[in-house]
Amino acid sequence: MATNDRWQQYLDAGRAWTEMTRKQAESVVQDLVKAGDLQQKRAKKAVDELMERSRKNADELRKIVRHEIQSQVSSLGIATKEDLARLERKLTKSTAAKSAPKKASAAKKASATPAAAEG
């Protein structure tokens, strides 16, 4: 149970840095201004910086999660869309190659039959 609580704390901390709203950023900055750690004239820029940092963190987290999912799926041996498309192209070429000689020989038989009938 303690492990789940710790895991939830990690998730909450990550959310704070990846899903920050402008209102939350403004609240953080106002607290810094009140504490004297930030000058009022820099407040707007600090809010913008927090919002940009939050956006970048969210993008980075998405990349990490996407990479990990791809890695896990790859290790399971599950076919990707590209794998299926490649197989489909291969089967289409193979089927076309096998049916091409049959069509050619059928055309030869068809053209030979009228000539034999005339003679």
C-alpha atoms as a PDB file:
ATOM      1  CA  MET A   1       0.000   0.000   0.000  1.00  0.00           C
ATOM      2  CA  ALA A   2       2.851   2.384   0.791  1.00  0.00           C
ATOM      3  CA  THR A   3       4.251   1.813  -2.684  1.00  0.00           C
ATOM      4  CA  ASN A   4       0.954   2.940  -4.227  1.00  0.00           C
ATOM      5  CA  ASP A   5       0.993   6.105  -2.122  1.00  0.00           C
ATOM      6  CA  ARG A   6       4.539   6.870  -3.226  1.00  0.00           C
ATOM      7  CA  TRP A   7       3.616   6.188  -6.851  1.00  0.00           C
ATOM      8  CA  GLN A   8       0.645   8.560  -6.538  1.00  0.00           C
ATOM      9  CA  GLN A   9       2.949  11.246  -5.113  1.00  0.00           C
ATOM     10  CA  TYR A  10       5.252  10.887  -8.137  1.00  0.00           C
ATOM     11  CA  LEU A  11       2.299  11.152 -10.506  1.00  0.00           C
ATOM     12  CA  ASP A  12       0.975  14.227  -8.716  1.00  0.00           C
ATOM     13  CA  ALA A  13       4.391  15.900  -8.793  1.00  0.00           C
ATOM     14  CA  GLY A  14       4.706  15.189 -12.509  1.00  0.00           C
ATOM     15  CA  ARG A  15       1.246  16.561 -13.162  1.00  0.00           C
ATOM     16  CA  ALA A  16       2.136  19.771 -11.379  1.00  0.00           C
ATOM     17  CA  TRP A  17       4.952  20.399 -13.862  1.00  0.00           C
ATOM     18  CA  THR A  18       3.191  19.178 -16.996  1.00  0.00           C
ATOM     19  CA  GLU A  19      -0.383  20.404 -16.567  1.00  0.00           C
ATOM     20  CA  MET A  20       0.095  23.817 -15.010  1.00  0.00           C
ATOM     21  CA  THR A  21      -2.648  26.263 -15.884  1.00  0.00           C
ATOM     22  CA  ARG A  22      -2.048  29.966 -16.290  1.00  0.00           C
ATOM     23  CA  LYS A  23      -3.989  30.568 -13.080  1.00  0.00           C
ATOM     24  CA  GLN A  24      -1.728  28.170 -11.167  1.00  0.00           C
ATOM     25  CA  ALA A  25       1.368  29.815 -12.625  1.00  0.00           C
ATOM     26  CA  GLU A  26       0.081  33.252 -11.639  1.00  0.00           C
ATOM     27  CA  SER A  27      -0.590  31.989  -8.114  1.00  0.00           C
ATOM     28  CA  VAL A  28       2.959  30.633  -7.800  1.00  0.00           C
ATOM     29  CA  VAL A  29       4.403  33.897  -9.073  1.00  0.00           C
ATOM     30  CA  GLN A  30       2.241  35.999  -6.734  1.00  0.00           C
ATOM     31  CA  ASP A  31       3.502  33.914  -3.802  1.00  0.00           C
ATOM     32  CA  LEU A  32       7.080  34.615  -4.932  1.00  0.00           C
ATOM     33  CA  VAL A  33       6.345  38.348  -5.227  1.00  0.00           C
ATOM     34  CA  LYS A  34       4.779  38.433  -1.736  1.00  0.00           C
ATOM     35  CA  ALA A  35       7.758  36.586  -0.280  1.00  0.00           C
ATOM     36  CA  GLY A  36      10.091  39.118  -1.898  1.00  0.00           C
ATOM     37  CA  ASP A  37      11.788  36.496  -4.057  1.00  0.00           C
ATOM     38  CA  LEU A  38      10.555  38.109  -7.271  1.00  0.00           C
ATOM     39  CA  GLN A  39       9.994  41.711  -8.305  1.00  0.00           C
ATOM     40  CA  GLN A  40       6.469  42.668  -9.400  1.00  0.00           C
ATOM     41  CA  LYS A  41       7.728  44.006 -12.736  1.00  0.00           C
ATOM     42  CA  ARG A  42       9.094  40.537 -13.610  1.00  0.00           C
ATOM     43  CA  ALA A  43       5.882  38.735 -12.631  1.00  0.00           C
ATOM     44  CA  LYS A  44       4.323  38.533 -16.110  1.00  0.00           C
ATOM     45  CA  LYS A  45       7.541  37.244 -17.633  1.00  0.00           C
ATOM     46  CA  ALA A  46       7.863  34.683 -14.828  1.00  0.00           C
ATOM     47  CA  VAL A  47       4.314  33.432 -15.488  1.00  0.00           C
ATOM     48  CA  ASP A  48       5.109  33.083 -19.191  1.00  0.00           C
ATOM     49  CA  GLU A  49       8.307  31.216 -18.349  1.00  0.00           C
ATOM     50  CA  LEU A  50       6.438  28.833 -16.040  1.00  0.00           C
ATOM     51  CA  MET A  51       3.830  28.163 -18.743  1.00  0.00           C
ATOM     52  CA  GLU A  52       6.547  27.505 -21.341  1.00  0.00           C
ATOM     53  CA  ARG A  53       8.415  25.192 -18.936  1.00  0.00           C
ATOM     54  CA  SER A  54       5.174  23.311 -18.231  1.00  0.00           C
ATOM     55  CA  ARG A  55       4.532  22.881 -21.981  1.00  0.00           C
ATOM     56  CA  LYS A  56       8.074  21.640 -22.582  1.00  0.00           C
ATOM     57  CA  ASN A  57       7.847  19.222 -19.659  1.00  0.00           C
ATOM     58  CA  ALA A  58       4.562  17.844 -20.993  1.00  0.00           C
ATOM     59  CA  ASP A  59       6.115  17.365 -24.449  1.00  0.00           C
ATOM     60  CA  GLU A  60       9.136  15.643 -22.958  1.00  0.00           C
ATOM     61  CA  LEU A  61       6.982  13.368 -20.818  1.00  0.00           C
ATOM     62  CA  ARG A  62       4.929  12.401 -23.898  1.00  0.00           C
ATOM     63  CA  LYS A  63       8.116  11.517 -25.768  1.00  0.00           C
ATOM     64  CA  ILE A  64       9.364   9.376 -22.888  1.00  0.00           C
ATOM     65  CA  VAL A  65       6.046   7.549 -22.524  1.00  0.00           C
ATOM     66  CA  ARG A  66       5.732   7.033 -26.302  1.00  0.00           C
ATOM     67  CA  HIS A  67       9.271   5.637 -26.465  1.00  0.00           C
ATOM     68  CA  GLU A  68       8.653   3.293 -23.539  1.00  0.00           C
ATOM     69  CA  ILE A  69       5.393   2.019 -25.033  1.00  0.00           C
ATOM     70  CA  GLN A  70       7.099   1.376 -28.377  1.00  0.00           C
ATOM     71  CA  SER A  71       9.904  -0.432 -26.585  1.00  0.00           C
ATOM     72  CA  GLN A  72       7.496  -2.628 -24.617  1.00  0.00           C
ATOM     73  CA  VAL A  73       5.359  -3.431 -27.673  1.00  0.00           C
ATOM     74  CA  SER A  74       8.490  -4.256 -29.644  1.00  0.00           C
ATOM     75  CA  SER A  75       9.712  -6.631 -26.941  1.00  0.00           C
ATOM     76  CA  LEU A  76       6.354  -8.429 -27.050  1.00  0.00           C
ATOM     77  CA  GLY A  77       6.772  -9.098 -30.764  1.00  0.00           C
ATOM     78  CA  ILE A  78       3.477  -7.458 -31.722  1.00  0.00           C
ATOM     79  CA  ALA A  79       3.282  -6.456 -35.383  1.00  0.00           C
ATOM     80  CA  THR A  80       3.188  -2.730 -36.110  1.00  0.00           C
ATOM     81  CA  LYS A  81       1.135  -1.020 -38.820  1.00  0.00           C
ATOM     82  CA  GLU A  82       4.309  -0.776 -40.905  1.00  0.00           C
ATOM     83  CA  ASP A  83       4.956  -4.521 -40.451  1.00  0.00           C
ATOM     84  CA  LEU A  84       1.430  -5.282 -41.660  1.00  0.00           C
ATOM     85  CA  ALA A  85       1.712  -2.872 -44.600  1.00  0.00           C
ATOM     86  CA  ARG A  86       5.023  -4.461 -45.636  1.00  0.00           C
ATOM     87  CA  LEU A  87       3.471  -7.933 -45.474  1.00  0.00           C
ATOM     88  CA  GLU A  88       0.463  -6.759 -47.474  1.00  0.00           C
ATOM     89  CA  ARG A  89       2.731  -5.327 -50.205  1.00  0.00           C
ATOM     90  CA  LYS A  90       4.695  -8.561 -50.295  1.00  0.00           C
ATOM     91  CA  LEU A  91       1.539 -10.658 -50.595  1.00  0.00           C
ATOM     92  CA  THR A  92       0.148  -8.385 -53.308  1.00  0.00           C
ATOM     93  CA  LYS A  93       3.362  -8.702 -55.345  1.00  0.00           C
ATOM     94  CA  SER A  94       3.436 -12.453 -54.816  1.00  0.00           C
ATOM     95  CA  THR A  95      -0.196 -12.863 -55.876  1.00  0.00           C
ATOM     96  CA  ALA A  96       0.328 -10.632 -58.913  1.00  0.00           C
ATOM     97  CA  ALA A  97       3.424 -12.555 -59.944  1.00  0.00           C
ATOM     98  CA  LYS A  98       1.613 -15.915 -59.688  1.00  0.00           C
ATOM     99  CA  SER A  99      -1.466 -14.770 -61.609  1.00  0.00           C
ATOM    100  CA  ALA A 100       0.487 -13.071 -64.432  1.00  0.00           C
ATOM    101  CA  PRO A 101       1.664 -16.310 -66.171  1.00  0.00           C
ATOM    102  CA  LYS A 102      -1.845 -17.808 -65.981  1.00  0.00           C
ATOM    103  CA  LYS A 103      -3.321 -14.769 -67.707  1.00  0.00           C
ATOM    104  CA  ALA A 104      -0.656 -14.872 -70.410  1.00  0.00           C
ATOM    105  CA  SER A 105      -1.160 -18.591 -71.127  1.00  0.00           C
ATOM    106  CA  ALA A 106      -4.948 -18.125 -71.171  1.00  0.00           C
ATOM    107  CA  ALA A 107      -4.541 -15.325 -73.704  1.00  0.00           C
ATOM    108  CA  LYS A 108      -2.333 -17.568 -75.892  1.00  0.00           C
ATOM    109  CA  LYS A 109      -4.943 -20.353 -75.787  1.00  0.00           C
ATOM    110  CA  ALA A 110      -7.701 -17.900 -76.684  1.00  0.00           C
ATOM    111  CA  SER A 111      -5.786 -16.529 -79.662  1.00  0.00           C
ATOM    112  CA  ALA A 112      -4.772 -20.012 -80.818  1.00  0.00           C
ATOM    113  CA  THR A 113      -8.306 -21.383 -80.824  1.00  0.00           C
ATOM    114  CA  PRO A 114      -9.747 -19.116 -83.562  1.00  0.00           C
ATOM    115  CA  ALA A 115      -6.769 -19.796 -85.818  1.00  0.00           C
ATOM    116  CA  ALA A 116      -7.163 -23.533 -85.433  1.00  0.00           C
ATOM    117  CA  ALA A 117     -10.890 -23.310 -86.110  1.00  0.00           C
ATOM    118  CA  GLU A 118     -10.335 -21.381 -89.367  1.00  0.00           C
ATOM    119  CA  GLY A 119      -7.838 -23.849 -90.715  1.00  0.00           C
END
